[in-house]
Amino acid sequence: MVVGDVTTGTDVLVIGAGPAGYVAAIRAGQLDLDVTLVEKDAYGGACLNHGCIPSKALITATDVAHEAGNAEEMGIHADPAVDLAKMVDWKDGVVDQLTGGVEKLCKANGVNLLEGTATFDGENTARISHSGEGQGSESIEFEHAIVATGSRPIEIPGFEYGDEPVLDSKQALALDSVPDSLVVVGAGYIGMELASVFAKLGTDVTVIEMLDGILPGYDDDLKRPVKQRATDLGIEFHFGYTASEWYDHGDGIRVEAEPAEQAAADGGQAEAVEAEPLELDAEHVLVAVGREPVSDTLDLEAVGVETDDRGFIETDSRARTNVDHVFAVGDVAGEPMLAHKGSMEGQVAAEVIAGEPAAIDYQAMPAAIFTDPEIATAGMTESEAADAGFETIVGKFPFRASGRALTTGDADGFVKIVADESEGYVLGAQIVGPEASELIAELGLAIELGATVEDVAATVHTHPTLSESVMEAAENALGHAIHTLNR
């Protein structure tokens, strides 16, 4: 659409159509506000197009192949052949279905959709530059703005994403053939999820991590089953190293890594830092060292919005920035970078603009990573609860004592519940094991409702299910577990 240099007006300008932005736009539309949603790339943002959904699609597909090929114990003998190109086509079909649905939902809720890049050029105006030659630009006057521009992968020196053998997560998810070998730089959740995917496809995977263990920020007992499962898949780890450069040696690439100057303590999984540099041959190198906010493209100074020294836009509990009529939601508004956190912030921002008494409560915010096995958390850990001044009781139930887990052939891990000793309120939960990302919802609800550990233990759970493990962990916290020894 050629628009030219015209000016239109809107109640709410939403910049970015990821899970934070499109949810904000739809909710604002439901509240009878005039809404304009600007997206420069694709509806659904990184989550639907390059992150959560495509990665989980490939994780599921590779799990199917891996489990079928490793089920001799169940009497199943199979040697699955994987057509990665077809697998990627299936994944793309899932993505297309969801992104198309986002566009339809926005239109159905009266949201005006614009394709282009938005920059602020005044307190209540923004300029939209439409992509493509001759597509022009337009100005929009807004009463309120919601910034939802998300985040992008961090580049490291010497590993620019434009160089073909160097992959970011988006490019790794679009490969149409299985690489023989892959070096993964970074053992955070993205690196560990994709390392497992390619290891299950038959790729020789080596992980380089600057710190002294995987998954920084998670407790050691949660990480231990993930590290063991990755090792069993043949993934090789080098902790305490930073990737320094790569070069093509004519038969693939060689990645060089230097010992990190100071490996930060990450508890538990420390391995000796080798003194000698590393040289690792591979077909590709995947850089997965984290993400940074996309806040430098907006000309925020024009509207007066401030960022911190990392580029995140600071907000209050109502998603409002330091400028009253400008809000920020999702990854650009800071950690944790979770799609569901962004969606909740988007809803709150829209409701606040509409005059409703909405606010964000992060206490029960769940988090999940889709490693093998999965890890999921909500609320406080045992140490966080102690730091907050609580006397706690803790209940734990191992999946190896779960009949349902044993019938799935996947019984590594446990459910752990942390509760206030005096009142019994559930303060937090951590799960590592099968379907952890699904099971955590019950405990997030318990925290949100102010339920006690007695409430969880007294709730009858279907047998035989993995969810019984939640009830059993609650009973263990109370000292009357049936299927484990009480300690």
Protein backbone atom coordinates (compact mmCIF):
# COMPACT_ATOMS: atom_id res chain seq x y z
CA MET A 1 0.00 0.00 0.00
CA VAL A 2 1.44 3.32 -1.04
CA VAL A 3 0.41 5.75 1.66
CA GLY A 4 2.63 8.75 1.22
CA ASP A 5 3.33 11.36 3.84
CA VAL A 6 -0.06 11.55 5.54
CA THR A 7 -1.03 11.72 9.20
CA THR A 8 -3.62 9.56 10.89
CA GLY A 9 -4.65 9.26 14.52
CA THR A 10 -5.23 6.43 16.97
CA ASP A 11 -6.03 5.94 20.65
CA VAL A 12 -3.34 3.30 21.11
CA LEU A 13 -0.27 2.71 18.94
CA VAL A 14 1.24 -0.73 19.55
CA ILE A 15 4.73 -1.25 18.11
CA GLY A 16 5.53 -4.91 17.55
CA ALA A 17 3.18 -7.86 16.93
CA GLY A 18 4.81 -10.53 19.07
CA PRO A 19 2.99 -12.25 21.95
CA ALA A 20 3.18 -9.07 24.04
CA GLY A 21 2.18 -6.63 21.31
CA TYR A 22 -0.63 -8.49 19.58
CA VAL A 23 -2.18 -9.48 22.92
CA ALA A 24 -2.07 -5.82 23.99
CA ALA A 25 -3.67 -4.77 20.70
CA ILE A 26 -6.45 -7.37 20.87
CA ARG A 27 -7.23 -6.57 24.52
CA ALA A 28 -7.30 -2.83 23.75
CA GLY A 29 -9.66 -3.55 20.86
CA GLN A 30 -11.91 -5.55 23.17
CA LEU A 31 -12.04 -2.50 25.44
CA ASP A 32 -13.37 -0.36 22.56
CA LEU A 33 -10.17 1.58 22.04
CA ASP A 34 -9.07 2.56 18.55
CA VAL A 35 -5.87 0.53 18.05
CA THR A 36 -3.12 0.55 15.44
CA LEU A 37 -0.60 -2.30 15.49
CA VAL A 38 2.66 -1.84 13.57
CA GLU A 39 4.85 -4.81 12.65
CA LYS A 40 7.98 -4.67 10.50
CA ASP A 41 8.46 -8.38 9.94
CA ALA A 42 5.88 -11.07 10.71
CA TYR A 43 2.85 -11.35 12.99
CA GLY A 44 3.63 -13.41 16.07
CA GLY A 45 7.12 -12.01 16.56
CA ALA A 46 10.13 -14.12 17.48
CA CYS A 47 8.02 -16.47 19.61
CA LEU A 48 5.78 -17.79 16.86
CA ASN A 49 8.17 -17.38 13.94
CA HIS A 50 11.68 -18.07 15.19
CA GLY A 51 11.56 -19.15 18.83
CA CYS A 52 9.08 -20.92 21.09
CA ILE A 53 6.81 -22.57 18.54
CA PRO A 54 9.29 -23.67 15.83
CA SER A 55 11.82 -24.90 18.38
CA LYS A 56 9.19 -26.90 20.28
CA ALA A 57 7.90 -28.35 17.02
CA LEU A 58 11.37 -29.65 16.18
CA ILE A 59 11.95 -30.82 19.75
CA THR A 60 8.74 -32.85 19.56
CA ALA A 61 9.58 -34.31 16.15
CA THR A 62 13.11 -35.28 17.12
CA ASP A 63 11.84 -36.77 20.39
CA VAL A 64 9.47 -38.99 18.39
CA ALA A 65 12.32 -40.25 16.24
CA HIS A 66 14.70 -40.67 19.14
CA GLU A 67 12.22 -42.50 21.36
CA ALA A 68 11.17 -44.83 18.55
CA GLY A 69 14.80 -45.72 17.94
CA ASN A 70 15.53 -46.30 21.61
CA ALA A 71 12.57 -48.36 22.75
CA GLU A 72 14.05 -51.86 22.64
CA GLU A 73 13.25 -52.23 26.34
CA MET A 74 9.57 -51.94 25.43
CA GLY A 75 9.97 -54.53 22.70
CA ILE A 76 10.03 -51.99 19.91
CA HIS A 77 12.79 -52.27 17.34
CA ALA A 78 13.02 -49.41 14.88
CA ASP A 79 15.62 -47.44 13.00
CA PRO A 80 13.82 -44.19 12.12
CA ALA A 81 15.06 -42.21 9.14
CA VAL A 82 14.67 -38.45 9.49
CA ASP A 83 13.91 -36.19 6.51
CA LEU A 84 14.89 -32.84 8.05
CA ALA A 85 13.61 -30.81 5.10
CA LYS A 86 10.15 -32.38 5.49
CA MET A 87 10.32 -31.94 9.25
CA VAL A 88 11.09 -28.25 8.74
CA ASP A 89 8.18 -27.96 6.27
CA TRP A 90 5.86 -29.42 8.91
CA LYS A 91 7.24 -26.99 11.48
CA ASP A 92 6.71 -24.10 9.06
CA GLY A 93 3.11 -25.22 8.55
CA VAL A 94 2.48 -25.04 12.29
CA VAL A 95 4.01 -21.56 12.37
CA ASP A 96 1.96 -20.38 9.37
CA GLN A 97 -1.27 -21.62 10.97
CA LEU A 98 -0.56 -19.73 14.18
CA THR A 99 0.67 -16.49 12.63
CA GLY A 100 -2.29 -16.44 10.27
CA GLY A 101 -4.53 -16.88 13.28
CA VAL A 102 -2.95 -13.86 14.98
CA GLU A 103 -3.69 -11.66 11.98
CA LYS A 104 -7.31 -12.85 11.85
CA LEU A 105 -7.82 -12.31 15.59
CA CYS A 106 -6.44 -8.79 15.38
CA LYS A 107 -8.75 -7.89 12.51
CA ALA A 108 -11.72 -9.51 14.26
CA ASN A 109 -11.10 -7.28 17.27
CA GLY A 110 -10.96 -4.14 15.18
CA VAL A 111 -7.19 -3.67 15.24
CA ASN A 112 -5.79 -1.62 12.37
CA LEU A 113 -2.71 -3.45 11.04
CA LEU A 114 0.23 -1.65 9.46
CA GLU A 115 3.40 -3.15 8.03
CA GLY A 116 6.50 -1.06 8.59
CA THR A 117 9.09 0.21 11.05
CA ALA A 118 7.98 2.70 13.70
CA THR A 119 10.08 5.48 15.21
CA PHE A 120 8.96 8.19 17.58
CA ASP A 121 9.30 11.77 16.38
CA GLY A 122 7.51 13.61 19.18
CA GLU A 123 5.64 13.15 22.45
CA ASN A 124 2.51 11.95 20.66
CA THR A 125 3.64 11.18 17.13
CA ALA A 126 5.45 8.35 15.39
CA ARG A 127 6.57 7.82 11.83
CA ILE A 128 5.92 4.52 10.10
CA SER A 129 8.34 3.66 7.29
CA HIS A 130 6.82 1.05 5.05
CA SER A 131 9.12 -1.64 3.71
CA GLY A 132 9.84 -1.94 0.01
CA GLU A 133 10.86 0.51 -2.63
CA GLY A 134 8.36 3.29 -3.15
CA GLN A 135 6.22 2.27 -0.20
CA GLY A 136 6.70 5.62 1.52
CA SER A 137 5.92 6.52 5.10
CA GLU A 138 3.19 8.02 7.22
CA SER A 139 2.82 9.75 10.57
CA ILE A 140 0.51 8.62 13.36
CA GLU A 141 -0.70 10.73 16.25
CA PHE A 142 -1.41 8.64 19.33
CA GLU A 143 -2.91 9.14 22.77
CA HIS A 144 -0.99 6.20 24.19
CA ALA A 145 1.80 3.99 22.87
CA ILE A 146 2.79 0.44 23.83
CA VAL A 147 6.34 -0.57 22.91
CA ALA A 148 6.59 -4.31 22.26
CA THR A 149 9.62 -4.59 20.01
CA GLY A 150 11.03 -7.71 21.65
CA SER A 151 14.62 -8.87 21.55
CA ARG A 152 17.24 -10.25 19.16
CA PRO A 153 20.15 -12.71 19.47
CA ILE A 154 23.39 -11.26 20.82
CA GLU A 155 26.34 -11.44 18.45
CA ILE A 156 29.84 -12.07 19.73
CA PRO A 157 32.99 -10.65 18.14
CA GLY A 158 34.24 -12.74 15.22
CA PHE A 159 30.96 -14.65 14.80
CA GLU A 160 28.73 -12.39 12.72
CA TYR A 161 25.43 -14.01 11.75
CA GLY A 162 25.74 -13.00 8.12
CA ASP A 163 28.61 -15.46 7.66
CA GLU A 164 27.02 -18.68 6.38
CA PRO A 165 28.54 -21.30 8.71
CA VAL A 166 27.65 -19.13 11.72
CA LEU A 167 24.06 -19.67 12.83
CA ASP A 168 21.72 -17.95 15.22
CA SER A 169 18.79 -19.92 16.61
CA LYS A 170 16.50 -18.79 13.79
CA GLN A 171 18.88 -20.07 11.14
CA ALA A 172 19.50 -23.31 13.02
CA LEU A 173 15.76 -24.00 13.04
CA ALA A 174 15.61 -23.56 9.25
CA LEU A 175 18.40 -25.98 8.21
CA ASP A 176 17.17 -28.42 5.55
CA SER A 177 19.78 -31.11 6.18
CA VAL A 178 21.28 -32.59 9.31
CA PRO A 179 24.84 -31.31 9.86
CA ASP A 180 27.46 -33.93 10.61
CA SER A 181 28.91 -31.79 13.37
CA LEU A 182 27.96 -28.66 15.27
CA VAL A 183 29.67 -26.44 17.81
CA VAL A 184 27.21 -24.65 20.12
CA VAL A 185 28.49 -21.53 21.86
CA GLY A 186 26.49 -21.07 25.06
CA ALA A 187 24.92 -23.60 27.45
CA GLY A 188 21.86 -21.55 28.36
CA TYR A 189 18.37 -22.77 27.56
CA ILE A 190 18.52 -22.03 23.82
CA GLY A 191 21.90 -23.70 23.43
CA MET A 192 20.89 -26.73 25.46
CA GLU A 193 17.53 -27.18 23.71
CA LEU A 194 19.06 -27.04 20.23
CA ALA A 195 22.10 -29.11 21.22
CA SER A 196 19.72 -31.91 22.22
CA VAL A 197 17.68 -31.56 19.02
CA PHE A 198 20.71 -32.00 16.77
CA ALA A 199 22.28 -34.71 18.94
CA LYS A 200 19.07 -36.73 18.56
CA LEU A 201 19.25 -36.23 14.80
CA GLY A 202 22.72 -37.79 14.78
CA THR A 203 24.89 -34.66 14.76
CA ASP A 204 28.14 -34.69 16.73
CA VAL A 205 27.53 -31.76 19.10
CA THR A 206 30.11 -29.92 21.17
CA VAL A 207 29.11 -27.16 23.59
CA ILE A 208 31.41 -24.33 24.67
CA GLU A 209 30.36 -22.39 27.76
CA MET A 210 32.11 -19.49 29.46
CA LEU A 211 30.76 -20.41 32.90
CA ASP A 212 31.42 -23.63 34.77
CA GLY A 213 28.12 -25.37 34.12
CA ILE A 214 24.93 -25.44 32.09
CA LEU A 215 21.78 -23.33 32.57
CA PRO A 216 22.95 -20.49 34.80
CA GLY A 217 20.34 -19.39 37.30
CA TYR A 218 18.86 -22.85 37.92
CA ASP A 219 19.54 -24.97 41.00
CA ASP A 220 22.07 -27.76 40.71
CA ASP A 221 19.59 -30.55 41.45
CA LEU A 222 17.43 -29.37 38.54
CA LYS A 223 20.34 -29.17 36.14
CA ARG A 224 21.89 -32.51 37.02
CA PRO A 225 19.41 -34.75 35.09
CA VAL A 226 19.66 -32.45 32.06
CA LYS A 227 23.45 -32.60 32.01
CA GLN A 228 23.40 -36.38 32.42
CA ARG A 229 20.85 -36.85 29.62
CA ALA A 230 22.88 -34.59 27.31
CA THR A 231 26.04 -36.53 28.10
CA ASP A 232 24.20 -39.78 27.37
CA LEU A 233 23.25 -38.33 23.97
CA GLY A 234 26.95 -37.88 23.26
CA ILE A 235 27.10 -34.11 23.68
CA GLU A 236 30.60 -32.99 24.62
CA PHE A 237 31.05 -30.02 26.97
CA HIS A 238 33.90 -27.57 27.45
CA PHE A 239 33.23 -25.24 30.40
CA GLY A 240 35.27 -22.17 31.22
CA TYR A 241 35.94 -21.27 27.56
CA THR A 242 35.03 -18.37 25.30
CA ALA A 243 34.85 -18.80 21.53
CA SER A 244 37.43 -16.49 19.97
CA GLU A 245 37.35 -17.03 16.20
CA TRP A 246 36.55 -19.42 13.38
CA TYR A 247 37.97 -20.07 9.95
CA ASP A 248 37.33 -22.29 6.95
CA HIS A 249 40.03 -24.91 6.53
CA GLY A 250 38.66 -26.29 3.29
CA ASP A 251 36.88 -29.29 4.78
CA GLY A 252 34.57 -27.54 7.19
CA ILE A 253 35.30 -24.91 9.79
CA ARG A 254 37.52 -24.78 12.84
CA VAL A 255 36.32 -22.95 15.95
CA GLU A 256 38.95 -21.71 18.36
CA ALA A 257 38.22 -21.05 22.03
CA GLU A 258 40.30 -19.58 24.81
CA PRO A 259 40.09 -20.32 28.54
CA ALA A 260 37.77 -17.78 30.13
CA GLU A 261 39.64 -15.26 32.24
CA GLN A 262 37.37 -15.96 35.17
CA ALA A 263 34.76 -18.68 35.10
CA ALA A 264 31.90 -17.43 37.22
CA ALA A 265 30.70 -19.69 39.98
CA ASP A 266 27.54 -21.44 38.97
CA GLY A 267 27.53 -24.09 41.65
CA GLY A 268 27.61 -27.80 41.51
CA GLN A 269 28.65 -28.75 38.04
CA ALA A 270 32.07 -27.22 38.04
CA GLU A 271 34.67 -28.90 35.89
CA ALA A 272 38.32 -28.13 35.83
CA VAL A 273 39.13 -25.27 33.45
CA GLU A 274 41.71 -26.50 30.99
CA ALA A 275 44.60 -24.16 30.49
CA GLU A 276 45.15 -24.87 26.80
CA PRO A 277 43.12 -23.28 23.97
CA LEU A 278 40.63 -25.44 22.10
CA GLU A 279 40.36 -26.16 18.40
CA LEU A 280 37.07 -27.77 17.36
CA ASP A 281 36.20 -28.83 13.81
CA ALA A 282 32.57 -28.65 12.73
CA GLU A 283 30.21 -28.03 9.82
CA HIS A 284 28.42 -25.15 11.58
CA VAL A 285 28.74 -23.09 14.72
CA LEU A 286 25.58 -22.02 16.55
CA VAL A 287 25.91 -18.92 18.71
CA ALA A 288 23.39 -18.95 21.59
CA VAL A 289 24.76 -16.61 24.21
CA GLY A 290 21.56 -14.75 24.99
CA ARG A 291 19.29 -12.03 23.68
CA GLU A 292 19.28 -8.23 23.89
CA PRO A 293 16.34 -5.78 23.76
CA VAL A 294 15.36 -4.08 20.52
CA SER A 295 15.09 -0.53 21.83
CA ASP A 296 17.71 1.23 19.72
CA THR A 297 15.56 1.50 16.59
CA LEU A 298 12.71 3.54 18.09
CA ASP A 299 14.30 6.96 18.73
CA LEU A 300 13.00 6.79 22.29
CA GLU A 301 14.64 10.13 23.08
CA ALA A 302 12.02 11.82 20.92
CA VAL A 303 9.25 10.69 23.26
CA GLY A 304 11.36 10.96 26.42
CA VAL A 305 11.46 7.27 27.37
CA GLU A 306 14.55 6.15 29.26
CA THR A 307 16.36 2.80 29.18
CA ASP A 308 18.82 1.16 31.54
CA ASP A 309 22.46 0.57 30.63
CA ARG A 310 21.54 -2.68 28.84
CA GLY A 311 18.89 -1.04 26.71
CA PHE A 312 15.85 -2.38 28.57
CA ILE A 313 12.93 0.00 29.11
CA GLU A 314 12.15 0.21 32.80
CA THR A 315 8.48 -0.04 33.77
CA ASP A 316 6.31 -0.09 36.88
CA SER A 317 3.79 -2.74 37.95
CA ARG A 318 1.32 -1.32 35.43
CA ALA A 319 3.75 -1.60 32.47
CA ARG A 320 4.11 2.19 32.38
CA THR A 321 7.45 3.76 31.48
CA ASN A 322 8.85 7.00 32.91
CA VAL A 323 6.52 8.75 30.41
CA ASP A 324 2.91 8.43 31.57
CA HIS A 325 1.31 7.75 28.21
CA VAL A 326 3.96 5.29 26.96
CA PHE A 327 4.03 1.65 28.06
CA ALA A 328 6.54 -1.15 27.41
CA VAL A 329 5.79 -4.87 27.47
CA GLY A 330 7.57 -8.13 26.74
CA ASP A 331 11.28 -8.71 26.24
CA VAL A 332 12.05 -5.02 25.68
CA ALA A 333 10.75 -4.33 29.20
CA GLY A 334 13.32 -6.60 30.83
CA GLU A 335 13.82 -10.01 32.36
CA PRO A 336 12.49 -12.57 32.46
CA MET A 337 12.19 -12.85 28.68
CA LEU A 338 9.14 -15.10 28.58
CA ALA A 339 6.33 -14.99 26.06
CA HIS A 340 3.62 -15.50 28.69
CA LYS A 341 5.11 -12.75 30.84
CA GLY A 342 4.93 -10.42 27.84
CA SER A 343 1.35 -11.40 27.07
CA MET A 344 0.28 -10.66 30.64
CA GLU A 345 2.06 -7.30 30.52
CA GLY A 346 0.31 -6.55 27.23
CA GLN A 347 -3.11 -7.23 28.73
CA VAL A 348 -2.32 -5.11 31.77
CA ALA A 349 -1.07 -2.20 29.65
CA ALA A 350 -4.24 -2.23 27.56
CA GLU A 351 -6.47 -2.37 30.64
CA VAL A 352 -4.61 0.44 32.39
CA ILE A 353 -5.00 2.61 29.29
CA ALA A 354 -8.72 1.82 29.33
CA GLY A 355 -8.92 3.01 32.94
CA GLU A 356 -9.15 -0.36 34.64
CA PRO A 357 -7.31 -1.11 37.94
CA ALA A 358 -4.93 -3.67 36.44
CA ALA A 359 -1.43 -4.48 37.67
CA ILE A 360 1.15 -7.21 37.18
CA ASP A 361 2.00 -9.72 39.92
CA TYR A 362 5.22 -11.56 39.13
CA GLN A 363 5.14 -13.73 42.27
CA ALA A 364 3.70 -16.78 40.58
CA MET A 365 5.24 -16.24 37.13
CA PRO A 366 6.15 -19.70 35.81
CA ALA A 367 9.15 -20.46 33.65
CA ALA A 368 9.91 -23.54 31.60
CA ILE A 369 12.76 -24.72 29.45
CA PHE A 370 12.32 -27.57 27.03
CA THR A 371 15.54 -29.38 27.58
CA ASP A 372 15.60 -33.16 27.95
CA PRO A 373 14.19 -33.56 30.56
CA GLU A 374 12.19 -30.37 30.89
CA ILE A 375 12.67 -27.92 33.76
CA ALA A 376 9.86 -25.73 35.11
CA THR A 377 9.65 -23.36 38.05
CA ALA A 378 7.18 -21.02 39.75
CA GLY A 379 7.55 -18.79 42.77
CA MET A 380 10.47 -19.04 45.19
CA THR A 381 13.21 -21.60 45.50
CA GLU A 382 14.09 -22.89 48.95
CA SER A 383 17.02 -20.48 49.23
CA GLU A 384 14.98 -17.53 47.95
CA ALA A 385 12.30 -18.24 50.53
CA ALA A 386 14.93 -18.39 53.28
CA ASP A 387 16.43 -15.11 52.07
CA ALA A 388 12.96 -13.59 52.25
CA GLY A 389 12.70 -14.58 55.91
CA PHE A 390 10.47 -17.65 55.66
CA GLU A 391 10.87 -20.79 57.72
CA THR A 392 10.10 -23.44 55.13
CA ILE A 393 9.02 -27.01 54.72
CA VAL A 394 9.95 -28.84 51.54
CA GLY A 395 8.32 -31.81 49.87
CA LYS A 396 9.87 -33.83 47.10
CA PHE A 397 8.66 -36.70 44.96
CA PRO A 398 10.88 -38.54 42.46
CA PHE A 399 9.36 -39.60 39.14
CA ARG A 400 10.97 -43.02 39.56
CA ALA A 401 8.28 -43.63 42.22
CA SER A 402 5.50 -42.61 39.80
CA GLY A 403 3.71 -45.48 38.12
CA ARG A 404 2.73 -43.28 35.19
CA ALA A 405 6.26 -42.02 34.66
CA LEU A 406 7.56 -45.58 34.61
CA THR A 407 4.97 -46.53 31.98
CA THR A 408 6.29 -43.77 29.72
CA GLY A 409 9.86 -44.97 30.04
CA ASP A 410 10.87 -41.53 31.27
CA ALA A 411 11.26 -41.45 35.06
CA ASP A 412 14.22 -39.12 35.65
CA GLY A 413 13.65 -36.06 37.82
CA PHE A 414 11.33 -34.93 40.58
CA VAL A 415 8.68 -32.50 41.82
CA LYS A 416 9.70 -30.19 44.66
CA ILE A 417 7.37 -27.92 46.64
CA VAL A 418 8.49 -25.16 49.00
CA ALA A 419 5.94 -23.97 51.59
CA ASP A 420 5.80 -21.63 54.54
CA GLU A 421 6.20 -23.76 57.67
CA SER A 422 3.94 -21.71 59.94
CA GLU A 423 0.95 -21.19 57.63
CA GLY A 424 1.50 -23.83 54.99
CA TYR A 425 1.22 -21.47 52.02
CA VAL A 426 2.84 -22.72 48.86
CA LEU A 427 5.74 -20.37 48.13
CA GLY A 428 7.32 -22.03 45.15
CA ALA A 429 7.90 -25.18 43.13
CA GLN A 430 10.55 -26.65 40.90
CA ILE A 431 10.11 -29.61 38.59
CA VAL A 432 12.56 -31.47 36.38
CA GLY A 433 11.23 -34.40 34.42
CA PRO A 434 8.54 -35.45 31.93
CA GLU A 435 5.89 -32.80 31.20
CA ALA A 436 7.37 -30.41 33.76
CA SER A 437 6.16 -27.47 31.64
CA GLU A 438 2.56 -28.69 31.99
CA LEU A 439 2.71 -29.80 35.62
CA ILE A 440 3.98 -26.45 36.89
CA ALA A 441 0.64 -24.78 36.06
CA GLU A 442 -1.09 -26.41 39.04
CA LEU A 443 1.51 -25.07 41.43
CA GLY A 444 1.50 -21.63 39.84
CA LEU A 445 -2.26 -21.53 40.45
CA ALA A 446 -1.71 -22.64 44.06
CA ILE A 447 0.70 -19.75 44.61
CA GLU A 448 -1.62 -17.28 42.87
CA LEU A 449 -4.62 -18.35 44.98
CA GLY A 450 -2.71 -18.45 48.25
CA ALA A 451 -3.36 -22.19 48.59
CA THR A 452 -1.64 -24.20 51.27
CA VAL A 453 0.35 -27.36 50.84
CA GLU A 454 -2.53 -29.10 52.63
CA ASP A 455 -4.88 -27.90 49.89
CA VAL A 456 -2.66 -29.46 47.22
CA ALA A 457 -2.28 -32.71 49.16
CA ALA A 458 -6.04 -32.94 49.74
CA THR A 459 -6.89 -32.44 46.07
CA VAL A 460 -7.63 -35.82 44.54
CA HIS A 461 -5.52 -36.36 41.43
CA THR A 462 -6.35 -38.75 38.62
CA HIS A 463 -4.57 -42.11 38.66
CA PRO A 464 -2.37 -42.98 36.93
CA THR A 465 -1.03 -39.57 35.89
CA LEU A 466 2.16 -37.58 36.23
CA SER A 467 0.15 -34.97 38.14
CA GLU A 468 -0.10 -37.36 41.07
CA SER A 469 3.55 -36.49 41.67
CA VAL A 470 2.47 -32.97 42.63
CA MET A 471 0.08 -34.34 45.26
CA GLU A 472 2.72 -36.78 46.50
CA ALA A 473 5.29 -33.99 46.89
CA ALA A 474 2.75 -32.01 48.92
CA GLU A 475 2.10 -35.04 51.12
CA ASN A 476 5.84 -35.48 51.55
CA ALA A 477 6.11 -31.88 52.76
CA LEU A 478 3.47 -32.70 55.40
CA GLY A 479 5.27 -35.87 56.44
CA HIS A 480 2.62 -38.34 55.34
CA ALA A 481 3.65 -39.38 51.86
CA ILE A 482 2.28 -42.77 50.85
CA HIS A 483 4.57 -43.81 48.02
CA THR A 484 7.89 -42.46 49.30
CA LEU A 485 9.65 -42.54 52.62
CA ASN A 486 9.02 -39.45 54.74
CA ARG A 487 12.09 -37.70 56.03
